[in-house]
PDB file of N, CA and C in Angstrom:
ATOM      1  N   UNK A   1       0.847  -1.173   0.000  1.00  0.00           N
ATOM      2  CA  UNK A   1       0.000   0.000   0.000  1.00  0.00           C
ATOM      3  C   UNK A   1       0.896   1.240   0.000  1.00  0.00           C
ATOM      4  N   UNK A   2       0.508   2.230  -0.772  1.00  0.00           N
ATOM      5  CA  UNK A   2       1.280   3.477  -0.817  1.00  0.00           C
ATOM      6  C   UNK A   2       1.204   4.188   0.526  1.00  0.00           C
ATOM      7  N   UNK A   3       2.280   4.877   0.863  1.00  0.00           N
ATOM      8  CA  UNK A   3       2.352   5.588   2.148  1.00  0.00           C
ATOM      9  C   UNK A   3       1.244   6.628   2.271  1.00  0.00           C
ATOM     10  N   UNK A   4       0.979   7.352   1.198  1.00  0.00           N
ATOM     11  CA  UNK A   4      -0.060   8.389   1.253  1.00  0.00           C
ATOM     12  C   UNK A   4      -1.434   7.771   1.459  1.00  0.00           C
ATOM     13  N   UNK A   5      -1.685   6.623   0.861  1.00  0.00           N
ATOM     14  CA  UNK A   5      -2.972   5.944   1.065  1.00  0.00           C
ATOM     15  C   UNK A   5      -3.098   5.432   2.489  1.00  0.00           C
ATOM     16  N   UNK A   6      -1.994   4.903   3.018  1.00  0.00           N
ATOM     17  CA  UNK A   6      -2.025   4.370   4.385  1.00  0.00           C
ATOM     18  C   UNK A   6      -2.302   5.489   5.393  1.00  0.00           C
ATOM     19  N   UNK A   7      -1.662   6.641   5.223  1.00  0.00           N
ATOM     20  CA  UNK A   7      -1.875   7.720   6.193  1.00  0.00           C
ATOM     21  C   UNK A   7      -3.287   8.288   6.088  1.00  0.00           C
ATOM     22  N   UNK A   8      -3.857   8.302   4.881  1.00  0.00           N
ATOM     23  CA  UNK A   8      -5.247   8.750   4.721  1.00  0.00           C
ATOM     24  C   UNK A   8      -6.204   7.774   5.414  1.00  0.00           C
ATOM     25  N   UNK A   9      -5.907   6.479   5.324  1.00  0.00           N
ATOM     26  CA  UNK A   9      -6.723   5.474   5.987  1.00  0.00           C
ATOM     27  C   UNK A   9      -6.652   5.656   7.502  1.00  0.00           C
ATOM     28  N   UNK A  10      -5.447   5.877   8.017  1.00  0.00           N
ATOM     29  CA  UNK A  10      -5.279   6.083   9.462  1.00  0.00           C
ATOM     30  C   UNK A  10      -6.010   7.349   9.895  1.00  0.00           C
ATOM     31  N   UNK A  11      -5.936   8.391   9.096  1.00  0.00           N
ATOM     32  CA  UNK A  11      -6.630   9.634   9.422  1.00  0.00           C
ATOM     33  C   UNK A  11      -8.138   9.406   9.516  1.00  0.00           C
ATOM     34  N   UNK A  12      -8.692   8.645   8.586  1.00  0.00           N
ATOM     35  CA  UNK A  12     -10.126   8.328   8.636  1.00  0.00           C
ATOM     36  C   UNK A  12     -10.466   7.493   9.863  1.00  0.00           C
ATOM     37  N   UNK A  13      -9.585   6.548  10.205  1.00  0.00           N
ATOM     38  CA  UNK A  13      -9.814   5.725  11.388  1.00  0.00           C
ATOM     39  C   UNK A  13      -9.835   6.594  12.651  1.00  0.00           C
ATOM     40  N   UNK A  14      -8.908   7.522  12.744  1.00  0.00           N
ATOM     41  CA  UNK A  14      -8.831   8.390  13.921  1.00  0.00           C
ATOM     42  C   UNK A  14     -10.061   9.303  13.992  1.00  0.00           C
ATOM     43  N   UNK A  15     -10.525   9.783  12.858  1.00  0.00           N
ATOM     44  CA  UNK A  15     -11.724  10.621  12.852  1.00  0.00           C
ATOM     45  C   UNK A  15     -12.943   9.850  13.361  1.00  0.00           C
ATOM     46  N   UNK A  16     -13.095   8.602  12.925  1.00  0.00           N
ATOM     47  CA  UNK A  16     -14.230   7.815  13.407  1.00  0.00           C
ATOM     48  C   UNK A  16     -14.057   7.453  14.879  1.00  0.00           C
ATOM     49  N   UNK A  17     -12.813   7.270  15.305  1.00  0.00           N
ATOM     50  CA  UNK A  17     -12.564   7.018  16.723  1.00  0.00           C
ATOM     51  C   UNK A  17     -12.985   8.215  17.571  1.00  0.00           C
ATOM     52  N   UNK A  18     -12.683   9.406  17.100  1.00  0.00           N
ATOM     53  CA  UNK A  18     -13.065  10.617  17.832  1.00  0.00           C
ATOM     54  C   UNK A  18     -14.582  10.697  17.977  1.00  0.00           C
ATOM     55  N   UNK A  19     -15.300  10.366  16.916  1.00  0.00           N
ATOM     56  CA  UNK A  19     -16.763  10.381  16.979  1.00  0.00           C
ATOM     57  C   UNK A  19     -17.277   9.343  17.981  1.00  0.00           C
ATOM     58  N   UNK A  20     -16.682   8.157  17.963  1.00  0.00           N
ATOM     59  CA  UNK A  20     -17.107   7.100  18.870  1.00  0.00           C
ATOM     60  C   UNK A  20     -16.849   7.466  20.325  1.00  0.00           C
ATOM     61  N   UNK A  21     -15.699   8.063  20.584  1.00  0.00           N
ATOM     62  CA  UNK A  21     -15.374   8.468  21.960  1.00  0.00           C
ATOM     63  C   UNK A  21     -16.354   9.536  22.435  1.00  0.00           C
ATOM     64  N   UNK A  22     -16.720  10.462  21.561  1.00  0.00           N
ATOM     65  CA  UNK A  22     -17.706  11.486  21.925  1.00  0.00           C
ATOM     66  C   UNK A  22     -19.049  10.850  22.264  1.00  0.00           C
ATOM     67  N   UNK A  23     -19.487   9.889  21.449  1.00  0.00           N
ATOM     68  CA  UNK A  23     -20.751   9.195  21.723  1.00  0.00           C
ATOM     69  C   UNK A  23     -20.691   8.457  23.057  1.00  0.00           C
ATOM     70  N   UNK A  24     -19.576   7.784  23.302  1.00  0.00           N
ATOM     71  CA  UNK A  24     -19.391   7.041  24.552  1.00  0.00           C
ATOM     72  C   UNK A  24     -19.431   7.994  25.746  1.00  0.00           C
ATOM     73  N   UNK A  25     -18.711   9.109  25.646  1.00  0.00           N
ATOM     74  CA  UNK A  25     -18.692  10.079  26.741  1.00  0.00           C
ATOM     75  C   UNK A  25     -20.062  10.713  26.946  1.00  0.00           C
ATOM     76  N   UNK A  26     -20.761  11.028  25.874  1.00  0.00           N
ATOM     77  CA  UNK A  26     -22.109  11.594  25.999  1.00  0.00           C
ATOM     78  C   UNK A  26     -23.036  10.635  26.733  1.00  0.00           C
ATOM     79  N   UNK A  27     -22.919   9.348  26.450  1.00  0.00           N
ATOM     80  CA  UNK A  27     -23.724   8.353  27.150  1.00  0.00           C
ATOM     81  C   UNK A  27     -23.386   8.353  28.636  1.00  0.00           C
ATOM     82  N   UNK A  28     -22.088   8.405  28.959  1.00  0.00           N
ATOM     83  CA  UNK A  28     -21.667   8.426  30.361  1.00  0.00           C
ATOM     84  C   UNK A  28     -22.200   9.657  31.084  1.00  0.00           C
ATOM     85  N   UNK A  29     -22.177  10.809  30.427  1.00  0.00           N
ATOM     86  CA  UNK A  29     -22.657  12.044  31.050  1.00  0.00           C
ATOM     87  C   UNK A  29     -24.164  11.968  31.285  1.00  0.00           C
ATOM     88  N   UNK A  30     -24.885  11.479  30.282  1.00  0.00           N
ATOM     89  CA  UNK A  30     -26.353  11.393  30.404  1.00  0.00           C
ATOM     90  C   UNK A  30     -26.784  10.407  31.477  1.00  0.00           C
ATOM     91  N   UNK A  31     -26.097   9.266  31.577  1.00  0.00           N
ATOM     92  CA  UNK A  31     -26.549   8.175  32.436  1.00  0.00           C
ATOM     93  C   UNK A  31     -25.715   7.970  33.688  1.00  0.00           C
ATOM     94  N   UNK A  32     -24.591   8.647  33.802  1.00  0.00           N
ATOM     95  CA  UNK A  32     -23.759   8.521  34.986  1.00  0.00           C
ATOM     96  C   UNK A  32     -22.974   7.226  35.058  1.00  0.00           C
ATOM     97  N   UNK A  33     -22.922   6.491  33.971  1.00  0.00           N
ATOM     98  CA  UNK A  33     -22.175   5.229  33.912  1.00  0.00           C
ATOM     99  C   UNK A  33     -21.904   4.897  32.453  1.00  0.00           C
ATOM    100  N   UNK A  34     -21.000   3.959  32.249  1.00  0.00           N
ATOM    101  CA  UNK A  34     -20.719   3.501  30.902  1.00  0.00           C
ATOM    102  C   UNK A  34     -21.869   2.665  30.361  1.00  0.00           C
ATOM    103  N   UNK A  35     -21.979   2.544  29.050  1.00  0.00           N
ATOM    104  CA  UNK A  35     -23.084   1.781  28.475  1.00  0.00           C
ATOM    105  C   UNK A  35     -22.937   0.282  28.692  1.00  0.00           C
ATOM    106  N   UNK A  36     -24.060  -0.379  28.870  1.00  0.00           N
ATOM    107  CA  UNK A  36     -24.101  -1.831  28.928  1.00  0.00           C
ATOM    108  C   UNK A  36     -24.398  -2.362  27.534  1.00  0.00           C
ATOM    109  N   UNK A  37     -24.335  -3.662  27.387  1.00  0.00           N
ATOM    110  CA  UNK A  37     -24.585  -4.292  26.095  1.00  0.00           C
ATOM    111  C   UNK A  37     -25.924  -3.841  25.517  1.00  0.00           C
ATOM    112  N   UNK A  38     -25.953  -3.454  24.264  1.00  0.00           N
ATOM    113  CA  UNK A  38     -27.133  -3.039  23.504  1.00  0.00           C
ATOM    114  C   UNK A  38     -27.713  -1.689  23.917  1.00  0.00           C
ATOM    115  N   UNK A  39     -27.061  -0.937  24.762  1.00  0.00           N
ATOM    116  CA  UNK A  39     -27.554   0.391  25.116  1.00  0.00           C
ATOM    117  C   UNK A  39     -27.002   1.461  24.189  1.00  0.00           C
ATOM    118  N   UNK A  40     -25.998   1.109  23.411  1.00  0.00           N
ATOM    119  CA  UNK A  40     -25.343   2.041  22.510  1.00  0.00           C
ATOM    120  C   UNK A  40     -25.014   1.275  21.239  1.00  0.00           C
ATOM    121  N   UNK A  41     -24.969   1.981  20.109  1.00  0.00           N
ATOM    122  CA  UNK A  41     -24.598   1.339  18.858  1.00  0.00           C
ATOM    123  C   UNK A  41     -23.286   0.579  19.069  1.00  0.00           C
ATOM    124  N   UNK A  42     -23.208  -0.645  18.588  1.00  0.00           N
ATOM    125  CA  UNK A  42     -22.042  -1.501  18.814  1.00  0.00           C
ATOM    126  C   UNK A  42     -20.741  -0.871  18.288  1.00  0.00           C
ATOM    127  N   UNK A  43     -20.847   0.043  17.343  1.00  0.00           N
ATOM    128  CA  UNK A  43     -19.671   0.702  16.787  1.00  0.00           C
ATOM    129  C   UNK A  43     -19.049   1.660  17.796  1.00  0.00           C
ATOM    130  N   UNK A  44     -19.801   2.095  18.796  1.00  0.00           N
ATOM    131  CA  UNK A  44     -19.331   3.080  19.768  1.00  0.00           C
ATOM    132  C   UNK A  44     -19.055   2.471  21.141  1.00  0.00           C
ATOM    133  N   UNK A  45     -18.987   1.154  21.229  1.00  0.00           N
ATOM    134  CA  UNK A  45     -18.717   0.523  22.520  1.00  0.00           C
ATOM    135  C   UNK A  45     -17.226   0.576  22.852  1.00  0.00           C
ATOM    136  N   UNK A  46     -16.929   0.359  24.104  1.00  0.00           N
ATOM    137  CA  UNK A  46     -15.542   0.412  24.576  1.00  0.00           C
ATOM    138  C   UNK A  46     -14.668  -0.603  23.837  1.00  0.00           C
ATOM    139  N   UNK A  47     -15.144  -1.809  23.646  1.00  0.00           N
ATOM    140  CA  UNK A  47     -14.346  -2.836  22.973  1.00  0.00           C
ATOM    141  C   UNK A  47     -14.104  -2.492  21.514  1.00  0.00           C
ATOM    142  N   UNK A  48     -15.109  -1.947  20.848  1.00  0.00           N
ATOM    143  CA  UNK A  48     -14.933  -1.538  19.451  1.00  0.00           C
ATOM    144  C   UNK A  48     -13.904  -0.423  19.348  1.00  0.00           C
ATOM    145  N   UNK A  49     -13.965   0.520  20.254  1.00  0.00           N
ATOM    146  CA  UNK A  49     -13.005   1.629  20.269  1.00  0.00           C
ATOM    147  C   UNK A  49     -11.597   1.078  20.498  1.00  0.00           C
ATOM    148  N   UNK A  50     -11.450   0.165  21.436  1.00  0.00           N
ATOM    149  CA  UNK A  50     -10.137  -0.425  21.721  1.00  0.00           C
ATOM    150  C   UNK A  50      -9.581  -1.165  20.506  1.00  0.00           C
ATOM    151  N   UNK A  51     -10.423  -1.951  19.838  1.00  0.00           N
ATOM    152  CA  UNK A  51      -9.962  -2.694  18.656  1.00  0.00           C
ATOM    153  C   UNK A  51      -9.508  -1.744  17.553  1.00  0.00           C
ATOM    154  N   UNK A  52     -10.255  -0.672  17.345  1.00  0.00           N
ATOM    155  CA  UNK A  52      -9.898   0.272  16.292  1.00  0.00           C
ATOM    156  C   UNK A  52      -8.651   1.076  16.647  1.00  0.00           C
ATOM    157  N   UNK A  53      -8.435   1.353  17.923  1.00  0.00           N
ATOM    158  CA  UNK A  53      -7.191   2.011  18.354  1.00  0.00           C
ATOM    159  C   UNK A  53      -6.004   1.098  18.059  1.00  0.00           C
ATOM    160  N   UNK A  54      -6.147  -0.176  18.382  1.00  0.00           N
ATOM    161  CA  UNK A  54      -5.088  -1.142  18.122  1.00  0.00           C
ATOM    162  C   UNK A  54      -4.790  -1.228  16.627  1.00  0.00           C
ATOM    163  N   UNK A  55      -5.829  -1.247  15.804  1.00  0.00           N
ATOM    164  CA  UNK A  55      -5.626  -1.319  14.361  1.00  0.00           C
ATOM    165  C   UNK A  55      -4.954  -0.057  13.831  1.00  0.00           C
ATOM    166  N   UNK A  56      -5.376   1.113  14.303  1.00  0.00           N
ATOM    167  CA  UNK A  56      -4.752   2.369  13.865  1.00  0.00           C
ATOM    168  C   UNK A  56      -3.280   2.399  14.263  1.00  0.00           C
ATOM    169  N   UNK A  57      -2.983   1.927  15.451  1.00  0.00           N
ATOM    170  CA  UNK A  57      -1.592   1.875  15.922  1.00  0.00           C
ATOM    171  C   UNK A  57      -0.765   0.955  15.039  1.00  0.00           C
ATOM    172  N   UNK A  58      -1.320  -0.199  14.692  1.00  0.00           N
ATOM    173  CA  UNK A  58      -0.612  -1.141  13.831  1.00  0.00           C
ATOM    174  C   UNK A  58      -0.332  -0.516  12.460  1.00  0.00           C
ATOM    175  N   UNK A  59      -1.295   0.214  11.933  1.00  0.00           N
ATOM    176  CA  UNK A  59      -1.097   0.864  10.640  1.00  0.00           C
ATOM    177  C   UNK A  59      -0.016   1.941  10.722  1.00  0.00           C
ATOM    178  N   UNK A  60      -0.004   2.693  11.806  1.00  0.00           N
ATOM    179  CA  UNK A  60       1.033   3.710  11.985  1.00  0.00           C
ATOM    180  C   UNK A  60       2.419   3.081  12.119  1.00  0.00           C
ATOM    181  N   UNK A  61       2.509   1.974  12.837  1.00  0.00           N
ATOM    182  CA  UNK A  61       3.789   1.287  12.975  1.00  0.00           C
ATOM    183  C   UNK A  61       4.271   0.747  11.623  1.00  0.00           C
ATOM    184  N   UNK A  62       3.333   0.249  10.814  1.00  0.00           N
ATOM    185  CA  UNK A  62       3.701  -0.225   9.483  1.00  0.00           C
ATOM    186  C   UNK A  62       4.194   0.940   8.623  1.00  0.00           C
ATOM    187  N   UNK A  63       3.544   2.070   8.743  1.00  0.00           N
ATOM    188  CA  UNK A  63       3.971   3.254   8.002  1.00  0.00           C
ATOM    189  C   UNK A  63       5.376   3.676   8.438  1.00  0.00           C
ATOM    190  N   UNK A  64       5.634   3.596   9.740  1.00  0.00           N
ATOM    191  CA  UNK A  64       6.962   3.934  10.249  1.00  0.00           C
ATOM    192  C   UNK A  64       8.024   3.018   9.647  1.00  0.00           C
ATOM    193  N   UNK A  65       7.713   1.721   9.543  1.00  0.00           N
ATOM    194  CA  UNK A  65       8.655   0.768   8.957  1.00  0.00           C
ATOM    195  C   UNK A  65       8.893   1.058   7.486  1.00  0.00           C
ATOM    196  N   UNK A  66       7.846   1.475   6.786  1.00  0.00           N
ATOM    197  CA  UNK A  66       7.953   1.743   5.359  1.00  0.00           C
ATOM    198  C   UNK A  66       8.765   2.997   5.052  1.00  0.00           C
ATOM    199  N   UNK A  67       8.868   3.899   6.014  1.00  0.00           N
ATOM    200  CA  UNK A  67       9.605   5.148   5.770  1.00  0.00           C
ATOM    201  C   UNK A  67      11.067   4.937   5.827  1.00  0.00           C
TER     202      UNK A  67
END
């Protein structure tokens, strides 16, 4: 994959992560606790956010190796 394409992909991943974290935090503020299963879109759950952070990190590390 070209370096410019990889960094654009990572940028999109980080943007969606920011949206998910905002949704997660808004839920916590409204309800005073983190969401339970099925209370929030599965894309915005803590585990989904963690998996996508790990994937973004892996892509950045690959980009570092390619440079």
